[in-house]
């Protein structure tokens, strides 16, 4: 029998990435851990009578299930804000491969012939999606020009999101807050066009190896323009110029390192944008509509 000793946070991470649940998740995580080269994981092989071995295994599994049930019930760390038109905006410590959204959105730079960078959540998401990002970019079928979009349905059983959109950021050297403002406007209009009530967005800029923009400031630029574009959509609807539809919530996905900064910047962005929208010209868009 092999006993595996490891840090509970490491075991939690392995189980969350296993794609399984219950005892299957524990078994998969244990198998992955046993192949790990990290020095913090220690394995021991000892001989124990079969009846005791079974009892120990049941005890371990029950303990693990109870521990992770408590963690699952608490859910990922999340901070939610009220935004105009009844929209709930939250910063959530979760990856784009794990959020059950109607529409999951990420951004990718323009494809580099020398090879694109995938780290962290970008790499994990591409792997969960069976390499769709890599294939589309390497074949030149999604170039990644600023504002370019591509929409697909994730393979069955891959991730919980119903649909997935990638929005291009353009050349990496040209990245700016204005790039993310463009992305925010596109995100709002795509969500309305696709009838997506539950929308999630992950910039994954850091996971593409770029550190040019502060993550919190980038999230703020995105959400300010997303809310502004959505306000226009709601005004069009109110004037019978567009089909009625409401986005219910927007999740901005953030890693542990950037969570607090994102909460601060997004909260301030929502507050300032709400004030700006209240001062917008309320006159009808169409001249045929009575003043």
C-alpha atoms as a PDB file:
ATOM      1  CA  UNK A   1       0.000   0.000   0.000  1.00  0.00           C
ATOM      2  CA  UNK A   2       1.255   3.550  -0.785  1.00  0.00           C
ATOM      3  CA  UNK A   3       0.563   6.472   1.535  1.00  0.00           C
ATOM      4  CA  UNK A   4       0.720   9.925  -0.019  1.00  0.00           C
ATOM      5  CA  UNK A   5       1.614  12.877   2.181  1.00  0.00           C
ATOM      6  CA  UNK A   6       1.093  16.333   0.733  1.00  0.00           C
ATOM      7  CA  UNK A   7      -0.030  19.866   1.436  1.00  0.00           C
ATOM      8  CA  UNK A   8      -3.893  20.074   1.498  1.00  0.00           C
ATOM      9  CA  UNK A   9      -3.852  23.134  -0.797  1.00  0.00           C
ATOM     10  CA  UNK A  10      -1.817  21.194  -3.357  1.00  0.00           C
ATOM     11  CA  UNK A  11      -4.250  18.276  -3.124  1.00  0.00           C
ATOM     12  CA  UNK A  12      -7.182  20.705  -3.524  1.00  0.00           C
ATOM     13  CA  UNK A  13      -5.592  22.164  -6.671  1.00  0.00           C
ATOM     14  CA  UNK A  14      -4.990  18.717  -8.152  1.00  0.00           C
ATOM     15  CA  UNK A  15      -8.565  17.637  -7.449  1.00  0.00           C
ATOM     16  CA  UNK A  16     -10.014  20.820  -8.988  1.00  0.00           C
ATOM     17  CA  UNK A  17      -7.975  20.212 -12.163  1.00  0.00           C
ATOM     18  CA  UNK A  18      -8.858  16.499 -12.345  1.00  0.00           C
ATOM     19  CA  UNK A  19     -12.207  17.154 -13.999  1.00  0.00           C
ATOM     20  CA  UNK A  20     -13.757  14.450 -11.794  1.00  0.00           C
ATOM     21  CA  UNK A  21     -15.809  14.367  -8.608  1.00  0.00           C
ATOM     22  CA  UNK A  22     -16.073  12.236  -5.502  1.00  0.00           C
ATOM     23  CA  UNK A  23     -13.699   9.306  -5.104  1.00  0.00           C
ATOM     24  CA  UNK A  24     -12.735   9.462  -8.783  1.00  0.00           C
ATOM     25  CA  UNK A  25     -11.394  12.996  -8.269  1.00  0.00           C
ATOM     26  CA  UNK A  26      -9.311  11.857  -5.290  1.00  0.00           C
ATOM     27  CA  UNK A  27      -7.921   8.900  -7.211  1.00  0.00           C
ATOM     28  CA  UNK A  28      -7.037  11.013 -10.239  1.00  0.00           C
ATOM     29  CA  UNK A  29      -5.397  13.674  -8.091  1.00  0.00           C
ATOM     30  CA  UNK A  30      -3.402  11.049  -6.215  1.00  0.00           C
ATOM     31  CA  UNK A  31      -2.203   9.544  -9.482  1.00  0.00           C
ATOM     32  CA  UNK A  32      -1.132  12.946 -10.765  1.00  0.00           C
ATOM     33  CA  UNK A  33       0.610  13.733  -7.487  1.00  0.00           C
ATOM     34  CA  UNK A  34       2.531  10.491  -7.539  1.00  0.00           C
ATOM     35  CA  UNK A  35       3.990  11.495 -10.908  1.00  0.00           C
ATOM     36  CA  UNK A  36       4.902  14.990  -9.685  1.00  0.00           C
ATOM     37  CA  UNK A  37       8.532  16.009  -9.220  1.00  0.00           C
ATOM     38  CA  UNK A  38       7.792  18.593  -6.542  1.00  0.00           C
ATOM     39  CA  UNK A  39       9.854  18.135  -3.397  1.00  0.00           C
ATOM     40  CA  UNK A  40       6.929  18.850  -1.122  1.00  0.00           C
ATOM     41  CA  UNK A  41       5.204  15.574  -1.958  1.00  0.00           C
ATOM     42  CA  UNK A  42       6.421  12.456  -0.156  1.00  0.00           C
ATOM     43  CA  UNK A  43       5.348   8.886  -0.815  1.00  0.00           C
ATOM     44  CA  UNK A  44       5.938   5.864   1.410  1.00  0.00           C
ATOM     45  CA  UNK A  45       5.341   2.214   0.673  1.00  0.00           C
ATOM     46  CA  UNK A  46       4.500   0.047   3.642  1.00  0.00           C
ATOM     47  CA  UNK A  47       2.966  -3.390   4.103  1.00  0.00           C
ATOM     48  CA  UNK A  48      -0.398  -3.518   5.889  1.00  0.00           C
ATOM     49  CA  UNK A  49      -2.822  -6.465   6.187  1.00  0.00           C
ATOM     50  CA  UNK A  50      -5.581  -6.297   3.601  1.00  0.00           C
ATOM     51  CA  UNK A  51      -8.428  -5.765   6.076  1.00  0.00           C
ATOM     52  CA  UNK A  52      -6.626  -2.854   7.724  1.00  0.00           C
ATOM     53  CA  UNK A  53      -5.669  -1.453   4.326  1.00  0.00           C
ATOM     54  CA  UNK A  54      -9.315  -1.330   3.212  1.00  0.00           C
ATOM     55  CA  UNK A  55     -10.303   0.315   6.464  1.00  0.00           C
ATOM     56  CA  UNK A  56      -7.599   2.955   6.143  1.00  0.00           C
ATOM     57  CA  UNK A  57      -8.599   3.703   2.558  1.00  0.00           C
ATOM     58  CA  UNK A  58     -12.235   4.182   3.545  1.00  0.00           C
ATOM     59  CA  UNK A  59     -11.187   6.431   6.418  1.00  0.00           C
ATOM     60  CA  UNK A  60      -9.002   8.557   4.133  1.00  0.00           C
ATOM     61  CA  UNK A  61     -11.689   8.836   1.473  1.00  0.00           C
ATOM     62  CA  UNK A  62     -14.359   9.807   4.003  1.00  0.00           C
ATOM     63  CA  UNK A  63     -12.026  12.438   5.468  1.00  0.00           C
ATOM     64  CA  UNK A  64     -11.169  13.845   2.050  1.00  0.00           C
ATOM     65  CA  UNK A  65     -14.792  13.882   0.939  1.00  0.00           C
ATOM     66  CA  UNK A  66     -15.835  15.716   4.111  1.00  0.00           C
ATOM     67  CA  UNK A  67     -13.000  18.223   3.771  1.00  0.00           C
ATOM     68  CA  UNK A  68     -13.706  19.011   0.131  1.00  0.00           C
ATOM     69  CA  UNK A  69     -17.456  19.044   0.627  1.00  0.00           C
ATOM     70  CA  UNK A  70     -16.948  21.889   3.087  1.00  0.00           C
ATOM     71  CA  UNK A  71     -14.675  23.691   0.624  1.00  0.00           C
ATOM     72  CA  UNK A  72     -17.111  23.158  -2.255  1.00  0.00           C
ATOM     73  CA  UNK A  73     -20.020  24.498  -0.231  1.00  0.00           C
ATOM     74  CA  UNK A  74     -18.139  27.699   0.506  1.00  0.00           C
ATOM     75  CA  UNK A  75     -17.502  28.221  -3.230  1.00  0.00           C
ATOM     76  CA  UNK A  76     -14.794  30.353  -4.897  1.00  0.00           C
ATOM     77  CA  UNK A  77     -13.947  33.748  -3.389  1.00  0.00           C
ATOM     78  CA  UNK A  78     -16.235  36.338  -4.984  1.00  0.00           C
ATOM     79  CA  UNK A  79     -17.169  40.010  -4.621  1.00  0.00           C
ATOM     80  CA  UNK A  80     -20.381  41.241  -6.250  1.00  0.00           C
ATOM     81  CA  UNK A  81     -21.418  44.782  -7.218  1.00  0.00           C
ATOM     82  CA  UNK A  82     -24.735  46.234  -8.369  1.00  0.00           C
ATOM     83  CA  UNK A  83     -24.485  47.899 -11.776  1.00  0.00           C
ATOM     84  CA  UNK A  84     -27.007  49.824 -13.925  1.00  0.00           C
ATOM     85  CA  UNK A  85     -30.034  48.054 -15.444  1.00  0.00           C
ATOM     86  CA  UNK A  86     -30.104  45.422 -12.696  1.00  0.00           C
ATOM     87  CA  UNK A  87     -26.817  43.865 -13.828  1.00  0.00           C
ATOM     88  CA  UNK A  88     -24.748  42.080 -11.195  1.00  0.00           C
ATOM     89  CA  UNK A  89     -20.992  42.331 -11.744  1.00  0.00           C
ATOM     90  CA  UNK A  90     -18.712  40.089  -9.712  1.00  0.00           C
ATOM     91  CA  UNK A  91     -15.002  39.455  -9.389  1.00  0.00           C
ATOM     92  CA  UNK A  92     -14.560  35.739  -8.919  1.00  0.00           C
ATOM     93  CA  UNK A  93     -11.482  33.682  -8.150  1.00  0.00           C
ATOM     94  CA  UNK A  94     -12.079  31.073 -10.844  1.00  0.00           C
ATOM     95  CA  UNK A  95     -10.669  30.075 -14.218  1.00  0.00           C
ATOM     96  CA  UNK A  96     -12.415  30.409 -17.616  1.00  0.00           C
ATOM     97  CA  UNK A  97     -12.525  26.594 -17.840  1.00  0.00           C
ATOM     98  CA  UNK A  98     -14.657  26.292 -14.670  1.00  0.00           C
ATOM     99  CA  UNK A  99     -17.377  28.979 -14.783  1.00  0.00           C
ATOM    100  CA  UNK A 100     -20.855  27.747 -15.891  1.00  0.00           C
ATOM    101  CA  UNK A 101     -21.590  30.748 -18.117  1.00  0.00           C
ATOM    102  CA  UNK A 102     -23.939  31.085 -21.068  1.00  0.00           C
ATOM    103  CA  UNK A 103     -21.068  32.880 -22.765  1.00  0.00           C
ATOM    104  CA  UNK A 104     -17.427  32.666 -21.720  1.00  0.00           C
ATOM    105  CA  UNK A 105     -15.129  35.303 -23.214  1.00  0.00           C
ATOM    106  CA  UNK A 106     -11.338  35.571 -23.273  1.00  0.00           C
ATOM    107  CA  UNK A 107      -8.853  37.734 -25.188  1.00  0.00           C
ATOM    108  CA  UNK A 108      -5.884  36.603 -27.241  1.00  0.00           C
ATOM    109  CA  UNK A 109      -3.103  38.546 -28.931  1.00  0.00           C
ATOM    110  CA  UNK A 110      -2.498  38.413 -32.653  1.00  0.00           C
ATOM    111  CA  UNK A 111      -0.928  35.109 -33.599  1.00  0.00           C
ATOM    112  CA  UNK A 112       2.864  34.981 -33.676  1.00  0.00           C
ATOM    113  CA  UNK A 113       4.405  32.733 -36.351  1.00  0.00           C
ATOM    114  CA  UNK A 114       7.232  32.067 -33.890  1.00  0.00           C
ATOM    115  CA  UNK A 115       4.750  30.612 -31.406  1.00  0.00           C
ATOM    116  CA  UNK A 116       2.074  31.865 -29.006  1.00  0.00           C
ATOM    117  CA  UNK A 117       2.530  31.930 -25.234  1.00  0.00           C
ATOM    118  CA  UNK A 118       0.163  29.887 -23.064  1.00  0.00           C
ATOM    119  CA  UNK A 119       0.591  29.882 -19.295  1.00  0.00           C
ATOM    120  CA  UNK A 120      -1.684  29.383 -16.296  1.00  0.00           C
ATOM    121  CA  UNK A 121      -5.378  29.761 -17.082  1.00  0.00           C
ATOM    122  CA  UNK A 122      -4.774  30.248 -20.829  1.00  0.00           C
ATOM    123  CA  UNK A 123      -2.870  26.965 -21.012  1.00  0.00           C
ATOM    124  CA  UNK A 124      -5.365  25.122 -18.809  1.00  0.00           C
ATOM    125  CA  UNK A 125      -8.319  26.384 -20.842  1.00  0.00           C
ATOM    126  CA  UNK A 126      -6.729  25.400 -24.158  1.00  0.00           C
ATOM    127  CA  UNK A 127      -6.066  21.931 -22.739  1.00  0.00           C
ATOM    128  CA  UNK A 128      -9.641  21.583 -21.455  1.00  0.00           C
ATOM    129  CA  UNK A 129     -10.864  22.609 -24.922  1.00  0.00           C
ATOM    130  CA  UNK A 130      -8.650  19.964 -26.555  1.00  0.00           C
ATOM    131  CA  UNK A 131      -6.317  22.501 -28.173  1.00  0.00           C
ATOM    132  CA  UNK A 132      -8.921  24.534 -30.060  1.00  0.00           C
ATOM    133  CA  UNK A 133      -7.083  27.853 -29.477  1.00  0.00           C
ATOM    134  CA  UNK A 134      -3.807  26.466 -30.718  1.00  0.00           C
ATOM    135  CA  UNK A 135      -5.343  24.876 -33.792  1.00  0.00           C
ATOM    136  CA  UNK A 136      -7.288  27.978 -34.865  1.00  0.00           C
ATOM    137  CA  UNK A 137      -4.287  30.255 -34.412  1.00  0.00           C
ATOM    138  CA  UNK A 138      -1.638  27.994 -35.897  1.00  0.00           C
ATOM    139  CA  UNK A 139      -3.762  27.408 -39.005  1.00  0.00           C
ATOM    140  CA  UNK A 140      -4.330  31.138 -39.461  1.00  0.00           C
ATOM    141  CA  UNK A 141      -8.091  30.747 -39.051  1.00  0.00           C
ATOM    142  CA  UNK A 142      -8.211  33.131 -36.087  1.00  0.00           C
ATOM    143  CA  UNK A 143      -5.603  35.852 -36.530  1.00  0.00           C
ATOM    144  CA  UNK A 144      -6.393  37.902 -33.433  1.00  0.00           C
ATOM    145  CA  UNK A 145      -6.598  41.389 -34.903  1.00  0.00           C
ATOM    146  CA  UNK A 146      -8.010  43.920 -32.444  1.00  0.00           C
ATOM    147  CA  UNK A 147     -11.772  43.394 -32.267  1.00  0.00           C
ATOM    148  CA  UNK A 148     -11.772  40.175 -34.299  1.00  0.00           C
ATOM    149  CA  UNK A 149     -14.074  37.566 -32.783  1.00  0.00           C
ATOM    150  CA  UNK A 150     -14.721  33.877 -33.119  1.00  0.00           C
ATOM    151  CA  UNK A 151     -17.537  31.904 -31.469  1.00  0.00           C
ATOM    152  CA  UNK A 152     -17.787  28.165 -30.867  1.00  0.00           C
ATOM    153  CA  UNK A 153     -19.509  25.637 -28.647  1.00  0.00           C
ATOM    154  CA  UNK A 154     -17.090  23.810 -26.316  1.00  0.00           C
ATOM    155  CA  UNK A 155     -16.741  20.057 -26.921  1.00  0.00           C
ATOM    156  CA  UNK A 156     -19.159  17.974 -24.879  1.00  0.00           C
ATOM    157  CA  UNK A 157     -17.898  17.415 -21.352  1.00  0.00           C
ATOM    158  CA  UNK A 158     -14.931  19.792 -21.715  1.00  0.00           C
ATOM    159  CA  UNK A 159     -15.952  22.900 -19.757  1.00  0.00           C
ATOM    160  CA  UNK A 160     -19.294  24.040 -18.250  1.00  0.00           C
ATOM    161  CA  UNK A 161     -19.685  27.175 -20.425  1.00  0.00           C
ATOM    162  CA  UNK A 162     -22.344  26.789 -23.127  1.00  0.00           C
ATOM    163  CA  UNK A 163     -20.593  28.977 -25.703  1.00  0.00           C
ATOM    164  CA  UNK A 164     -17.122  30.447 -25.990  1.00  0.00           C
ATOM    165  CA  UNK A 165     -15.984  33.644 -27.662  1.00  0.00           C
ATOM    166  CA  UNK A 166     -12.418  34.783 -28.260  1.00  0.00           C
ATOM    167  CA  UNK A 167     -11.832  38.486 -28.916  1.00  0.00           C
ATOM    168  CA  UNK A 168      -8.600  39.579 -30.545  1.00  0.00           C
ATOM    169  CA  UNK A 169      -6.296  42.084 -28.835  1.00  0.00           C
ATOM    170  CA  UNK A 170      -4.169  42.856 -31.884  1.00  0.00           C
ATOM    171  CA  UNK A 171      -0.384  43.087 -31.841  1.00  0.00           C
ATOM    172  CA  UNK A 172       1.042  42.547 -28.373  1.00  0.00           C
ATOM    173  CA  UNK A 173       3.301  45.606 -28.688  1.00  0.00           C
ATOM    174  CA  UNK A 174       0.223  47.790 -29.270  1.00  0.00           C
ATOM    175  CA  UNK A 175      -1.682  46.670 -26.162  1.00  0.00           C
ATOM    176  CA  UNK A 176      -3.247  49.549 -24.214  1.00  0.00           C
ATOM    177  CA  UNK A 177      -6.235  50.265 -21.988  1.00  0.00           C
ATOM    178  CA  UNK A 178      -8.028  51.367 -25.163  1.00  0.00           C
ATOM    179  CA  UNK A 179      -7.646  47.802 -26.460  1.00  0.00           C
ATOM    180  CA  UNK A 180      -9.595  46.529 -23.461  1.00  0.00           C
ATOM    181  CA  UNK A 181     -12.192  49.259 -23.886  1.00  0.00           C
ATOM    182  CA  UNK A 182     -12.841  47.929 -27.400  1.00  0.00           C
ATOM    183  CA  UNK A 183     -13.131  44.422 -25.958  1.00  0.00           C
ATOM    184  CA  UNK A 184     -15.643  45.639 -23.352  1.00  0.00           C
ATOM    185  CA  UNK A 185     -17.932  47.152 -25.985  1.00  0.00           C
ATOM    186  CA  UNK A 186     -17.766  44.028 -28.121  1.00  0.00           C
ATOM    187  CA  UNK A 187     -18.483  41.803 -25.105  1.00  0.00           C
ATOM    188  CA  UNK A 188     -21.688  43.678 -24.267  1.00  0.00           C
ATOM    189  CA  UNK A 189     -23.022  43.594 -27.822  1.00  0.00           C
ATOM    190  CA  UNK A 190     -22.125  39.948 -28.358  1.00  0.00           C
ATOM    191  CA  UNK A 191     -23.816  38.960 -25.098  1.00  0.00           C
ATOM    192  CA  UNK A 192     -27.028  40.722 -26.135  1.00  0.00           C
ATOM    193  CA  UNK A 193     -26.879  39.344 -29.674  1.00  0.00           C
ATOM    194  CA  UNK A 194     -26.446  35.798 -28.369  1.00  0.00           C
ATOM    195  CA  UNK A 195     -29.079  36.094 -25.604  1.00  0.00           C
ATOM    196  CA  UNK A 196     -26.445  35.287 -22.978  1.00  0.00           C
ATOM    197  CA  UNK A 197     -27.854  36.030 -19.529  1.00  0.00           C
ATOM    198  CA  UNK A 198     -24.800  34.783 -17.649  1.00  0.00           C
ATOM    199  CA  UNK A 199     -21.552  36.156 -19.064  1.00  0.00           C
ATOM    200  CA  UNK A 200     -17.974  35.567 -17.909  1.00  0.00           C
ATOM    201  CA  UNK A 201     -14.746  37.237 -19.008  1.00  0.00           C
ATOM    202  CA  UNK A 202     -11.091  36.487 -18.393  1.00  0.00           C
ATOM    203  CA  UNK A 203      -8.461  38.727 -20.016  1.00  0.00           C
ATOM    204  CA  UNK A 204      -5.673  36.064 -19.632  1.00  0.00           C
ATOM    205  CA  UNK A 205      -3.164  38.749 -20.641  1.00  0.00           C
ATOM    206  CA  UNK A 206      -0.741  37.781 -17.877  1.00  0.00           C
ATOM    207  CA  UNK A 207      -1.134  34.157 -18.950  1.00  0.00           C
ATOM    208  CA  UNK A 208       0.100  35.136 -22.392  1.00  0.00           C
ATOM    209  CA  UNK A 209       3.299  36.458 -20.825  1.00  0.00           C
ATOM    210  CA  UNK A 210       2.448  40.172 -20.984  1.00  0.00           C
ATOM    211  CA  UNK A 211       2.819  42.529 -18.001  1.00  0.00           C
ATOM    212  CA  UNK A 212       2.395  45.888 -19.741  1.00  0.00           C
ATOM    213  CA  UNK A 213      -0.962  46.740 -18.145  1.00  0.00           C
ATOM    214  CA  UNK A 214      -1.977  46.588 -14.499  1.00  0.00           C
ATOM    215  CA  UNK A 215      -4.596  43.821 -14.204  1.00  0.00           C
ATOM    216  CA  UNK A 216      -6.987  45.867 -12.076  1.00  0.00           C
ATOM    217  CA  UNK A 217      -6.806  48.853 -14.414  1.00  0.00           C
ATOM    218  CA  UNK A 218      -7.420  46.588 -17.389  1.00  0.00           C
ATOM    219  CA  UNK A 219     -10.477  45.075 -15.731  1.00  0.00           C
ATOM    220  CA  UNK A 220     -11.773  48.557 -14.980  1.00  0.00           C
ATOM    221  CA  UNK A 221     -11.327  49.722 -18.578  1.00  0.00           C
ATOM    222  CA  UNK A 222     -13.202  46.641 -19.769  1.00  0.00           C
ATOM    223  CA  UNK A 223     -16.128  46.926 -17.357  1.00  0.00           C
ATOM    224  CA  UNK A 224     -16.610  50.676 -17.873  1.00  0.00           C
ATOM    225  CA  UNK A 225     -17.046  50.256 -21.611  1.00  0.00           C
ATOM    226  CA  UNK A 226     -19.027  47.055 -21.251  1.00  0.00           C
ATOM    227  CA  UNK A 227     -21.546  48.890 -19.051  1.00  0.00           C
ATOM    228  CA  UNK A 228     -21.623  51.874 -21.409  1.00  0.00           C
ATOM    229  CA  UNK A 229     -22.319  49.713 -24.459  1.00  0.00           C
ATOM    230  CA  UNK A 230     -24.946  47.740 -22.547  1.00  0.00           C
ATOM    231  CA  UNK A 231     -26.652  50.997 -21.556  1.00  0.00           C
ATOM    232  CA  UNK A 232     -26.931  51.881 -25.245  1.00  0.00           C
ATOM    233  CA  UNK A 233     -28.458  48.467 -25.939  1.00  0.00           C
ATOM    234  CA  UNK A 234     -31.063  49.038 -23.223  1.00  0.00           C
ATOM    235  CA  UNK A 235     -31.889  52.508 -24.591  1.00  0.00           C
ATOM    236  CA  UNK A 236     -32.410  51.041 -28.048  1.00  0.00           C
ATOM    237  CA  UNK A 237     -34.713  48.441 -26.555  1.00  0.00           C
ATOM    238  CA  UNK A 238     -36.694  51.076 -24.654  1.00  0.00           C
ATOM    239  CA  UNK A 239     -37.316  52.900 -27.941  1.00  0.00           C
ATOM    240  CA  UNK A 240     -38.461  49.706 -29.692  1.00  0.00           C
ATOM    241  CA  UNK A 241     -35.331  49.820 -31.877  1.00  0.00           C
ATOM    242  CA  UNK A 242     -34.045  46.473 -30.641  1.00  0.00           C
ATOM    243  CA  UNK A 243     -35.436  43.244 -29.239  1.00  0.00           C
ATOM    244  CA  UNK A 244     -35.840  43.262 -25.461  1.00  0.00           C
ATOM    245  CA  UNK A 245     -33.180  41.281 -23.592  1.00  0.00           C
ATOM    246  CA  UNK A 246     -31.319  41.632 -20.317  1.00  0.00           C
ATOM    247  CA  UNK A 247     -27.938  40.334 -19.204  1.00  0.00           C
ATOM    248  CA  UNK A 248     -28.335  39.173 -15.611  1.00  0.00           C
ATOM    249  CA  UNK A 249     -24.749  38.894 -14.448  1.00  0.00           C
ATOM    250  CA  UNK A 250     -21.159  39.403 -15.526  1.00  0.00           C
ATOM    251  CA  UNK A 251     -18.323  37.478 -13.890  1.00  0.00           C
ATOM    252  CA  UNK A 252     -14.810  38.860 -14.217  1.00  0.00           C
ATOM    253  CA  UNK A 253     -12.450  35.985 -13.552  1.00  0.00           C
ATOM    254  CA  UNK A 254      -9.300  36.766 -11.590  1.00  0.00           C
ATOM    255  CA  UNK A 255      -6.452  34.772 -10.091  1.00  0.00           C
ATOM    256  CA  UNK A 256      -5.544  35.009  -6.376  1.00  0.00           C
ATOM    257  CA  UNK A 257      -2.657  37.409  -7.028  1.00  0.00           C
ATOM    258  CA  UNK A 258      -4.832  40.000  -8.750  1.00  0.00           C
ATOM    259  CA  UNK A 259      -8.176  39.524  -6.983  1.00  0.00           C
ATOM    260  CA  UNK A 260      -7.984  42.434  -4.506  1.00  0.00           C
ATOM    261  CA  UNK A 261      -6.749  44.922  -7.103  1.00  0.00           C
ATOM    262  CA  UNK A 262      -9.510  43.854  -9.489  1.00  0.00           C
ATOM    263  CA  UNK A 263     -12.171  44.296  -6.783  1.00  0.00           C
ATOM    264  CA  UNK A 264     -10.948  47.816  -6.010  1.00  0.00           C
ATOM    265  CA  UNK A 265     -10.640  48.984  -9.610  1.00  0.00           C
ATOM    266  CA  UNK A 266     -13.858  47.392 -10.875  1.00  0.00           C
ATOM    267  CA  UNK A 267     -15.835  48.744  -7.932  1.00  0.00           C
ATOM    268  CA  UNK A 268     -14.567  52.256  -8.615  1.00  0.00           C
ATOM    269  CA  UNK A 269     -15.199  51.829 -12.339  1.00  0.00           C
ATOM    270  CA  UNK A 270     -18.813  50.800 -11.786  1.00  0.00           C
ATOM    271  CA  UNK A 271     -19.399  53.767  -9.500  1.00  0.00           C
ATOM    272  CA  UNK A 272     -17.928  56.319 -11.909  1.00  0.00           C
ATOM    273  CA  UNK A 273     -19.660  54.818 -14.961  1.00  0.00           C
ATOM    274  CA  UNK A 274     -23.030  54.797 -13.197  1.00  0.00           C
ATOM    275  CA  UNK A 275     -22.679  58.540 -12.620  1.00  0.00           C
ATOM    276  CA  UNK A 276     -21.679  59.171 -16.244  1.00  0.00           C
ATOM    277  CA  UNK A 277     -24.587  57.136 -17.627  1.00  0.00           C
ATOM    278  CA  UNK A 278     -27.055  59.099 -15.528  1.00  0.00           C
ATOM    279  CA  UNK A 279     -25.967  62.233 -17.431  1.00  0.00           C
ATOM    280  CA  UNK A 280     -26.258  60.757 -20.928  1.00  0.00           C
ATOM    281  CA  UNK A 281     -28.482  62.391 -23.514  1.00  0.00           C
ATOM    282  CA  UNK A 282     -31.917  60.795 -23.041  1.00  0.00           C
ATOM    283  CA  UNK A 283     -33.408  62.098 -26.313  1.00  0.00           C
ATOM    284  CA  UNK A 284     -34.698  59.424 -28.717  1.00  0.00           C
ATOM    285  CA  UNK A 285     -32.253  58.218 -31.364  1.00  0.00           C
ATOM    286  CA  UNK A 286     -34.673  58.170 -34.297  1.00  0.00           C
ATOM    287  CA  UNK A 287     -36.168  61.342 -35.729  1.00  0.00           C
ATOM    288  CA  UNK A 288     -39.415  59.431 -36.396  1.00  0.00           C
ATOM    289  CA  UNK A 289     -39.946  59.069 -32.658  1.00  0.00           C
ATOM    290  CA  UNK A 290     -41.930  61.929 -31.173  1.00  0.00           C
ATOM    291  CA  UNK A 291     -39.907  64.231 -28.947  1.00  0.00           C
END
